[in-house]
Each structure stands twice: as structure tokens, then as C-alpha cells.
């Protein structure tokens, strides 16, 4: 599972079965988030779509 931590400027993940969360990327200004089988997509504060391979 992935989520946006807007205040910290990061995207985090945690295994579906539970466990510790980890930072996927930091130093960004993420708003919306989408994930598919190969990549993580998010929009920044200006609406620009960003992409990161899993």
C-alpha cells in the first residue's frame, strides 16, 4: 500500500500484510497518487504528473 505524506514531502509504502512503512521518495511535493504494476505516479502542487519505477 502506498500513500502521500504531504507535510513531509514524501511517498511511503507498507506491505499489504503489515510491517514497517518505508519512504519510497522524499523531497517532493506530492498531491494525488496512483500505482500500477510497474510504476508510481503522482502530481505535484502545480499539477505536473511525475513517475517513478517501482
Foldseek 3Di string as FASTA:
>chain_A
DWDDDQVQQFIWDADPVGDDIDTPDHPFRFDDWDDDPFWIWTAHPVRDIDIDTD
